[in-house]
C-alpha atoms as a PDB file:
ATOM      1  CA  MET A   1      -6.660 -13.415  23.661  1.00  0.00           C
ATOM      2  CA  ALA A   2      -9.747 -11.150  23.963  1.00  0.00           C
ATOM      3  CA  PRO A   3      -9.371 -10.075  27.880  1.00  0.00           C
ATOM      4  CA  SER A   4      -5.876  -8.963  27.031  1.00  0.00           C
ATOM      5  CA  CYS A   5      -7.358  -6.594  24.639  1.00  0.00           C
ATOM      6  CA  ALA A   6      -7.581  -3.270  26.063  1.00  0.00           C
ATOM      7  CA  ALA A   7     -10.138  -1.066  23.609  1.00  0.00           C
ATOM      8  CA  ARG A   8     -13.562  -0.746  25.512  1.00  0.00           C
ATOM      9  CA  SER A   9     -15.131  -1.121  22.292  1.00  0.00           C
ATOM     10  CA  SER A  10     -15.068  -2.171  18.660  1.00  0.00           C
ATOM     11  CA  ALA A  11     -16.983  -0.405  15.692  1.00  0.00           C
ATOM     12  CA  ARG A  12     -15.882  -3.178  13.484  1.00  0.00           C
ATOM     13  CA  GLY A  13     -15.499  -6.269  15.114  1.00  0.00           C
ATOM     14  CA  GLU A  14     -16.381  -9.050  12.549  1.00  0.00           C
ATOM     15  CA  LEU A  15     -12.883  -7.972  11.092  1.00  0.00           C
ATOM     16  CA  GLY A  16     -10.696  -8.684  13.896  1.00  0.00           C
ATOM     17  CA  PHE A  17     -12.508 -11.055  15.975  1.00  0.00           C
ATOM     18  CA  SER A  18     -13.546 -14.493  15.340  1.00  0.00           C
ATOM     19  CA  GLN A  19     -17.042 -15.384  16.969  1.00  0.00           C
ATOM     20  CA  LEU A  20     -15.298 -17.062  20.053  1.00  0.00           C
ATOM     21  CA  ALA A  21     -13.483 -14.062  20.756  1.00  0.00           C
ATOM     22  CA  ARG A  22     -16.263 -11.291  20.227  1.00  0.00           C
ATOM     23  CA  ILE A  23     -18.117 -13.354  22.987  1.00  0.00           C
ATOM     24  CA  GLU A  24     -15.071 -13.688  25.109  1.00  0.00           C
ATOM     25  CA  TYR A  25     -14.337  -9.839  24.434  1.00  0.00           C
ATOM     26  CA  ALA A  26     -18.164  -9.152  25.688  1.00  0.00           C
ATOM     27  CA  ARG A  27     -17.920 -10.869  28.668  1.00  0.00           C
ATOM     28  CA  HIS A  28     -15.284  -9.087  29.964  1.00  0.00           C
ATOM     29  CA  GLY A  29     -16.708  -5.778  29.143  1.00  0.00           C
ATOM     30  CA  GLY A  30     -16.010  -4.752  25.742  1.00  0.00           C
ATOM     31  CA  ARG A  31     -18.583  -3.453  23.332  1.00  0.00           C
ATOM     32  CA  LEU A  32     -18.912  -4.549  20.205  1.00  0.00           C
ATOM     33  CA  ASN A  33     -22.006  -4.698  17.325  1.00  0.00           C
ATOM     34  CA  THR A  34     -23.203  -7.921  16.440  1.00  0.00           C
ATOM     35  CA  ASP A  35     -22.259  -9.309  13.058  1.00  0.00           C
ATOM     36  CA  PHE A  36     -25.042  -8.019  11.250  1.00  0.00           C
ATOM     37  CA  ILE A  37     -25.226  -4.374  12.529  1.00  0.00           C
ATOM     38  CA  ASP A  38     -21.487  -4.559  11.046  1.00  0.00           C
ATOM     39  CA  ASN A  39     -22.284  -6.084   7.818  1.00  0.00           C
ATOM     40  CA  SER A  40     -25.885  -4.263   7.291  1.00  0.00           C
ATOM     41  CA  ALA A  41     -23.930  -1.257   5.433  1.00  0.00           C
ATOM     42  CA  GLY A  42     -22.255  -3.890   2.963  1.00  0.00           C
ATOM     43  CA  VAL A  43     -24.956  -5.785   1.913  1.00  0.00           C
ATOM     44  CA  ASN A  44     -26.976  -2.215   1.514  1.00  0.00           C
ATOM     45  CA  CYS A  45     -24.248  -0.998  -0.580  1.00  0.00           C
ATOM     46  CA  SER A  46     -24.323  -3.908  -2.653  1.00  0.00           C
ATOM     47  CA  ASP A  47     -27.748  -3.952  -3.117  1.00  0.00           C
ATOM     48  CA  VAL A  48     -27.507  -0.584  -4.494  1.00  0.00           C
ATOM     49  CA  GLU A  49     -25.346  -1.420  -6.603  1.00  0.00           C
ATOM     50  CA  VAL A  50     -27.191  -3.932  -8.411  1.00  0.00           C
ATOM     51  CA  ASN A  51     -30.368  -1.912  -8.393  1.00  0.00           C
ATOM     52  CA  LEU A  52     -28.604   0.770 -10.135  1.00  0.00           C
ATOM     53  CA  LYS A  53     -27.207  -1.595 -12.859  1.00  0.00           C
ATOM     54  CA  ILE A  54     -31.057  -3.262 -13.399  1.00  0.00           C
ATOM     55  CA  LEU A  55     -32.123   0.384 -14.024  1.00  0.00           C
ATOM     56  CA  LEU A  56     -29.267   1.661 -16.183  1.00  0.00           C
ATOM     57  CA  ASN A  57     -29.272  -1.825 -18.371  1.00  0.00           C
ATOM     58  CA  GLY A  58     -32.931  -0.727 -18.892  1.00  0.00           C
ATOM     59  CA  ALA A  59     -31.814   2.191 -20.428  1.00  0.00           C
ATOM     60  CA  VAL A  60     -28.841   0.424 -22.628  1.00  0.00           C
ATOM     61  CA  ARG A  61     -31.389  -1.980 -24.089  1.00  0.00           C
ATOM     62  CA  ALA A  62     -33.733   0.978 -24.906  1.00  0.00           C
ATOM     63  CA  GLY A  63     -30.618   2.699 -26.873  1.00  0.00           C
ATOM     64  CA  GLU A  64     -30.993   5.735 -24.330  1.00  0.00           C
ATOM     65  CA  ILE A  65     -27.377   5.055 -23.257  1.00  0.00           C
ATOM     66  CA  THR A  66     -24.289   2.753 -24.529  1.00  0.00           C
ATOM     67  CA  ARG A  67     -22.553   0.416 -21.662  1.00  0.00           C
ATOM     68  CA  GLY A  68     -19.612   2.401 -21.676  1.00  0.00           C
ATOM     69  CA  ALA A  69     -21.364   5.839 -20.649  1.00  0.00           C
ATOM     70  CA  ARG A  70     -23.465   3.120 -18.218  1.00  0.00           C
ATOM     71  CA  ASP A  71     -20.145   1.902 -16.431  1.00  0.00           C
ATOM     72  CA  ARG A  72     -18.823   5.667 -16.612  1.00  0.00           C
ATOM     73  CA  LEU A  73     -22.079   7.087 -14.595  1.00  0.00           C
ATOM     74  CA  LEU A  74     -21.547   3.879 -12.478  1.00  0.00           C
ATOM     75  CA  VAL A  75     -18.094   4.806 -11.213  1.00  0.00           C
ATOM     76  CA  GLN A  76     -19.330   8.145 -10.729  1.00  0.00           C
ATOM     77  CA  MET A  77     -21.501   7.064  -8.317  1.00  0.00           C
ATOM     78  CA  THR A  78     -19.471   5.000  -6.303  1.00  0.00           C
ATOM     79  CA  ALA A  79     -19.173   7.527  -3.655  1.00  0.00           C
ATOM     80  CA  ARG A  80     -22.629   8.779  -3.290  1.00  0.00           C
ATOM     81  CA  SER A  81     -24.213   5.256  -3.239  1.00  0.00           C
ATOM     82  CA  ARG A  82     -21.308   4.514  -0.453  1.00  0.00           C
ATOM     83  CA  ALA A  83     -22.603   7.322   1.556  1.00  0.00           C
ATOM     84  CA  TRP A  84     -26.270   6.559   1.083  1.00  0.00           C
ATOM     85  CA  SER A  85     -25.853   3.321   2.105  1.00  0.00           C
ATOM     86  CA  ALA A  86     -23.898   4.399   5.319  1.00  0.00           C
ATOM     87  CA  GLU A  87     -27.118   6.778   6.013  1.00  0.00           C
ATOM     88  CA  GLN A  88     -29.561   3.785   5.904  1.00  0.00           C
END
């Protein structure tokens, strides 16, 4: 199937290509990132989220904020942490 793909490049190949299709596509001149490049932003975003939760859980345990306030803050920070992860 990869040779019949008319696109010259793919920025998110892991979402639509099997590993075999990725190889075949590249052999026929297609350009795409390796899996680890495509997946790195998602992994980084998850790491940022976990680190924020660890930091804020300390504040909850110390009584500095409530768990509800922590959860609301995490929701407010979602777009910012996503953008920050994409910049890394």
